[in-house]
C-alpha atoms as a PDB file:
ATOM      1  CA  MET A   1      -0.078  -0.068  -0.096  1.00  0.00           C
ATOM      2  CA  ASP A   2       1.013   3.585  -0.616  1.00  0.00           C
ATOM      3  CA  ASP A   3       2.296   6.133   2.304  1.00  0.00           C
ATOM      4  CA  VAL A   4      -0.988   8.255   1.695  1.00  0.00           C
ATOM      5  CA  VAL A   5      -3.515   5.625   1.559  1.00  0.00           C
ATOM      6  CA  GLY A   6      -1.182   3.745   4.653  1.00  0.00           C
ATOM      7  CA  GLU A   7      -1.213   6.962   6.550  1.00  0.00           C
ATOM      8  CA  ARG A   8      -5.153   7.344   6.172  1.00  0.00           C
ATOM      9  CA  VAL A   9      -5.571   3.653   7.054  1.00  0.00           C
ATOM     10  CA  ALA A  10      -3.181   4.322  10.318  1.00  0.00           C
ATOM     11  CA  ALA A  11      -5.151   7.336  11.095  1.00  0.00           C
ATOM     12  CA  LEU A  12      -8.282   6.110  10.992  1.00  0.00           C
ATOM     13  CA  CYS A  13      -7.263   3.103  13.091  1.00  0.00           C
ATOM     14  CA  GLY A  14      -6.341   5.320  15.827  1.00  0.00           C
ATOM     15  CA  GLU A  15      -8.989   6.819  15.989  1.00  0.00           C
ATOM     16  CA  LEU A  16     -11.585   3.919  16.114  1.00  0.00           C
ATOM     17  CA  SER A  17      -8.949   2.694  18.590  1.00  0.00           C
ATOM     18  CA  ARG A  18      -9.243   5.748  20.850  1.00  0.00           C
ATOM     19  CA  TRP A  19     -12.499   6.260  20.619  1.00  0.00           C
ATOM     20  CA  PRO A  20     -14.764   3.126  20.270  1.00  0.00           C
ATOM     21  CA  GLU A  21     -17.761   5.409  19.574  1.00  0.00           C
ATOM     22  CA  LEU A  22     -16.995   6.510  17.092  1.00  0.00           C
ATOM     23  CA  ALA A  23     -17.953   2.674  14.930  1.00  0.00           C
ATOM     24  CA  THR A  24     -21.637   3.843  16.059  1.00  0.00           C
ATOM     25  CA  MET A  25     -20.919   7.410  14.659  1.00  0.00           C
ATOM     26  CA  ILE A  26     -20.090   6.044  11.063  1.00  0.00           C
ATOM     27  CA  ARG A  27     -22.805   3.784  10.926  1.00  0.00           C
ATOM     28  CA  ASP A  28     -25.050   6.923  11.761  1.00  0.00           C
ATOM     29  CA  ALA A  29     -23.524   8.849   9.003  1.00  0.00           C
ATOM     30  CA  GLY A  30     -24.298   5.663   6.455  1.00  0.00           C
ATOM     31  CA  ALA A  31     -20.783   4.370   6.273  1.00  0.00           C
ATOM     32  CA  LEU A  32     -21.082   0.898   8.560  1.00  0.00           C
ATOM     33  CA  PRO A  33     -21.200  -1.116   5.146  1.00  0.00           C
ATOM     34  CA  GLN A  34     -17.951   0.705   3.601  1.00  0.00           C
ATOM     35  CA  LEU A  35     -16.488   0.510   7.415  1.00  0.00           C
ATOM     36  CA  SER A  36     -17.026  -3.030   7.560  1.00  0.00           C
ATOM     37  CA  GLU A  37     -15.785  -4.093   4.410  1.00  0.00           C
ATOM     38  CA  LEU A  38     -12.508  -1.995   4.722  1.00  0.00           C
ATOM     39  CA  LEU A  39     -12.051  -3.776   7.901  1.00  0.00           C
ATOM     40  CA  ALA A  40     -12.224  -6.910   6.544  1.00  0.00           C
ATOM     41  CA  LEU A  41     -10.205  -5.735   3.773  1.00  0.00           C
ATOM     42  CA  LEU A  42      -7.567  -4.872   6.446  1.00  0.00           C
ATOM     43  CA  ALA A  43      -7.799  -8.038   8.520  1.00  0.00           C
ATOM     44  CA  ASN A  44      -7.189 -10.560   5.383  1.00  0.00           C
ATOM     45  CA  ARG A  45      -3.971 -11.893   4.638  1.00  0.00           C
ATOM     46  CA  ALA A  46      -3.996 -10.636   1.517  1.00  0.00           C
ATOM     47  CA  GLU A  47      -2.600  -7.185  -0.011  1.00  0.00           C
ATOM     48  CA  PRO A  48      -5.872  -5.348  -0.706  1.00  0.00           C
ATOM     49  CA  ASP A  49      -5.928  -2.913  -3.566  1.00  0.00           C
ATOM     50  CA  GLU A  50      -4.689   0.310  -2.671  1.00  0.00           C
ATOM     51  CA  ARG A  51      -7.128   1.664  -5.011  1.00  0.00           C
ATOM     52  CA  HIS A  52     -10.301  -0.023  -3.049  1.00  0.00           C
ATOM     53  CA  VAL A  53      -9.007   0.875   0.258  1.00  0.00           C
ATOM     54  CA  ALA A  54      -8.776   4.405  -0.900  1.00  0.00           C
ATOM     55  CA  ALA A  55     -12.354   4.761  -2.198  1.00  0.00           C
ATOM     56  CA  LEU A  56     -13.911   2.844   0.930  1.00  0.00           C
ATOM     57  CA  ILE A  57     -12.204   5.264   3.096  1.00  0.00           C
ATOM     58  CA  ASP A  58     -13.412   8.366   1.052  1.00  0.00           C
ATOM     59  CA  VAL A  59     -16.849   6.805   1.352  1.00  0.00           C
ATOM     60  CA  ILE A  60     -16.312   7.198   4.954  1.00  0.00           C
ATOM     61  CA  GLU A  61     -14.946  10.434   5.776  1.00  0.00           C
ATOM     62  CA  ASP A  62     -17.224  12.415   3.152  1.00  0.00           C
ATOM     63  CA  ALA A  63     -20.376  10.618   5.100  1.00  0.00           C
ATOM     64  CA  CYS A  64     -18.501  11.608   8.373  1.00  0.00           C
ATOM     65  CA  ALA A  65     -17.891  15.069   7.353  1.00  0.00           C
ATOM     66  CA  ARG A  66     -21.544  15.693   6.450  1.00  0.00           C
ATOM     67  CA  GLN A  67     -22.187  14.525  10.318  1.00  0.00           C
ATOM     68  CA  GLY A  68     -19.432  17.107  11.617  1.00  0.00           C
ATOM     69  CA  LEU A  69     -16.475  15.014  11.807  1.00  0.00           C
ATOM     70  CA  PRO A  70     -14.334  16.420   9.002  1.00  0.00           C
ATOM     71  CA  ALA A  71     -10.630  14.938   7.744  1.00  0.00           C
ATOM     72  CA  LEU A  72     -10.738  11.898  10.208  1.00  0.00           C
ATOM     73  CA  THR A  73      -8.617  10.073   7.839  1.00  0.00           C
ATOM     74  CA  ARG A  74      -5.990  13.123   7.330  1.00  0.00           C
ATOM     75  CA  ARG A  75      -3.006  14.823   9.002  1.00  0.00           C
ATOM     76  CA  VAL A  76      -5.157  16.305  12.251  1.00  0.00           C
ATOM     77  CA  PRO A  77      -7.829  13.423  12.974  1.00  0.00           C
ATOM     78  CA  SER A  78     -11.181  14.953  13.733  1.00  0.00           C
ATOM     79  CA  LEU A  79     -12.665  13.832  17.238  1.00  0.00           C
ATOM     80  CA  PRO A  80     -16.250  13.793  18.263  1.00  0.00           C
ATOM     81  CA  PRO A  81     -17.477  17.273  20.289  1.00  0.00           C
ATOM     82  CA  GLY A  82     -16.804  16.477  23.916  1.00  0.00           C
ATOM     83  CA  MET A  83     -13.864  14.486  23.878  1.00  0.00           C
ATOM     84  CA  GLY A  84     -11.145  16.195  25.259  1.00  0.00           C
ATOM     85  CA  ALA A  85     -13.384  19.092  26.643  1.00  0.00           C
ATOM     86  CA  ASP A  86     -12.102  17.913  30.487  1.00  0.00           C
ATOM     87  CA  THR A  87      -9.024  20.415  29.310  1.00  0.00           C
ATOM     88  CA  GLY A  88     -10.734  23.633  28.232  1.00  0.00           C
ATOM     89  CA  GLY A  89     -11.741  21.770  24.805  1.00  0.00           C
ATOM     90  CA  ILE A  90      -7.717  21.445  24.216  1.00  0.00           C
ATOM     91  CA  ALA A  91      -7.650  17.197  22.869  1.00  0.00           C
ATOM     92  CA  GLY A  92      -4.037  17.350  21.937  1.00  0.00           C
ATOM     93  CA  TRP A  93      -1.117  18.587  20.318  1.00  0.00           C
ATOM     94  CA  THR A  94      -0.162  18.847  16.966  1.00  0.00           C
ATOM     95  CA  CYS A  95       3.188  19.896  14.766  1.00  0.00           C
ATOM     96  CA  PRO A  96       3.119  23.479  14.642  1.00  0.00           C
ATOM     97  CA  LEU A  97       4.497  23.475  11.440  1.00  0.00           C
ATOM     98  CA  GLY A  98       2.015  21.429   9.613  1.00  0.00           C
ATOM     99  CA  ARG A  99       4.319  18.921   8.358  1.00  0.00           C
ATOM    100  CA  CYS A 100       3.730  15.554   9.922  1.00  0.00           C
ATOM    101  CA  SER A 101       0.829  13.656  10.887  1.00  0.00           C
ATOM    102  CA  ARG A 102       2.081  13.824  14.968  1.00  0.00           C
ATOM    103  CA  VAL A 103      -1.102  14.203  17.345  1.00  0.00           C
ATOM    104  CA  VAL A 104       0.179  13.713  21.117  1.00  0.00           C
ATOM    105  CA  LEU A 105      -2.902  13.130  22.958  1.00  0.00           C
ATOM    106  CA  GLN A 106      -3.534  15.476  26.202  1.00  0.00           C
ATOM    107  CA  ASP A 107      -4.220  11.966  28.325  1.00  0.00           C
ATOM    108  CA  GLU A 108      -0.552  11.315  26.561  1.00  0.00           C
ATOM    109  CA  THR A 109       0.748  14.420  28.487  1.00  0.00           C
ATOM    110  CA  PRO A 110      -0.674  17.553  30.401  1.00  0.00           C
ATOM    111  CA  HIS A 111       1.714  19.763  29.034  1.00  0.00           C
ATOM    112  CA  PRO A 112       2.174  20.885  25.924  1.00  0.00           C
ATOM    113  CA  PRO A 113       4.833  18.611  23.768  1.00  0.00           C
ATOM    114  CA  THR A 114       7.953  19.990  22.005  1.00  0.00           C
ATOM    115  CA  CYS A 115       8.688  19.314  18.112  1.00  0.00           C
ATOM    116  CA  ALA A 116      12.186  18.448  16.996  1.00  0.00           C
ATOM    117  CA  THR A 117      11.671  20.628  14.009  1.00  0.00           C
ATOM    118  CA  ALA A 118      10.546  23.660  15.335  1.00  0.00           C
ATOM    119  CA  LEU A 119      13.089  25.597  16.410  1.00  0.00           C
ATOM    120  CA  GLY A 120      11.596  28.667  16.467  1.00  0.00           C
ATOM    121  CA  GLU A 121       9.125  29.942  18.894  1.00  0.00           C
ATOM    122  CA  ASP A 122       9.517  27.915  21.807  1.00  0.00           C
ATOM    123  CA  GLY A 123       9.450  24.543  20.047  1.00  0.00           C
ATOM    124  CA  ARG A 124       5.905  23.707  21.915  1.00  0.00           C
ATOM    125  CA  MET A 125       3.676  21.501  19.343  1.00  0.00           C
ATOM    126  CA  LYS A 126       0.357  23.734  18.746  1.00  0.00           C
ATOM    127  CA  PRO A 127      -2.981  23.012  20.350  1.00  0.00           C
ATOM    128  CA  TYR A 128      -5.653  20.726  18.892  1.00  0.00           C
ATOM    129  CA  SER A 129      -9.325  21.258  19.903  1.00  0.00           C
ATOM    130  CA  PRO A 130     -11.992  19.737  17.841  1.00  0.00           C
ATOM    131  CA  GLY A 131     -13.778  22.892  17.734  1.00  0.00           C
ATOM    132  CA  LEU A 132     -10.370  24.469  15.932  1.00  0.00           C
ATOM    133  CA  ARG A 133     -10.080  24.194  12.139  1.00  0.00           C
END
């Protein structure tokens, strides 16, 4: 699988692992058949067709975007409303330069982590809140 599709799969997998209720939201968005097919393809020992995987992810992401969950499989994951709100709405931190898909969730550390490539400013990652875009 190419890097772009692999990153999208990783992002979706990570979000589903962190927030099991996300599968219900995907179902409510009308994309449960695509999610089920995607998970079955990925669980199979055979290498899945990356175009088909990308198409399934597109359908899932589009359905979720219509329900207020944009960018579910992109660089900055989208979290359902209310998740991470216990620290003033900050769910975690992302790359301050927008150059990588690194996300450090608030439950991993209560303080802003540093970014190895952001030598300007103070090197801290930028806050991410589900309400910020």
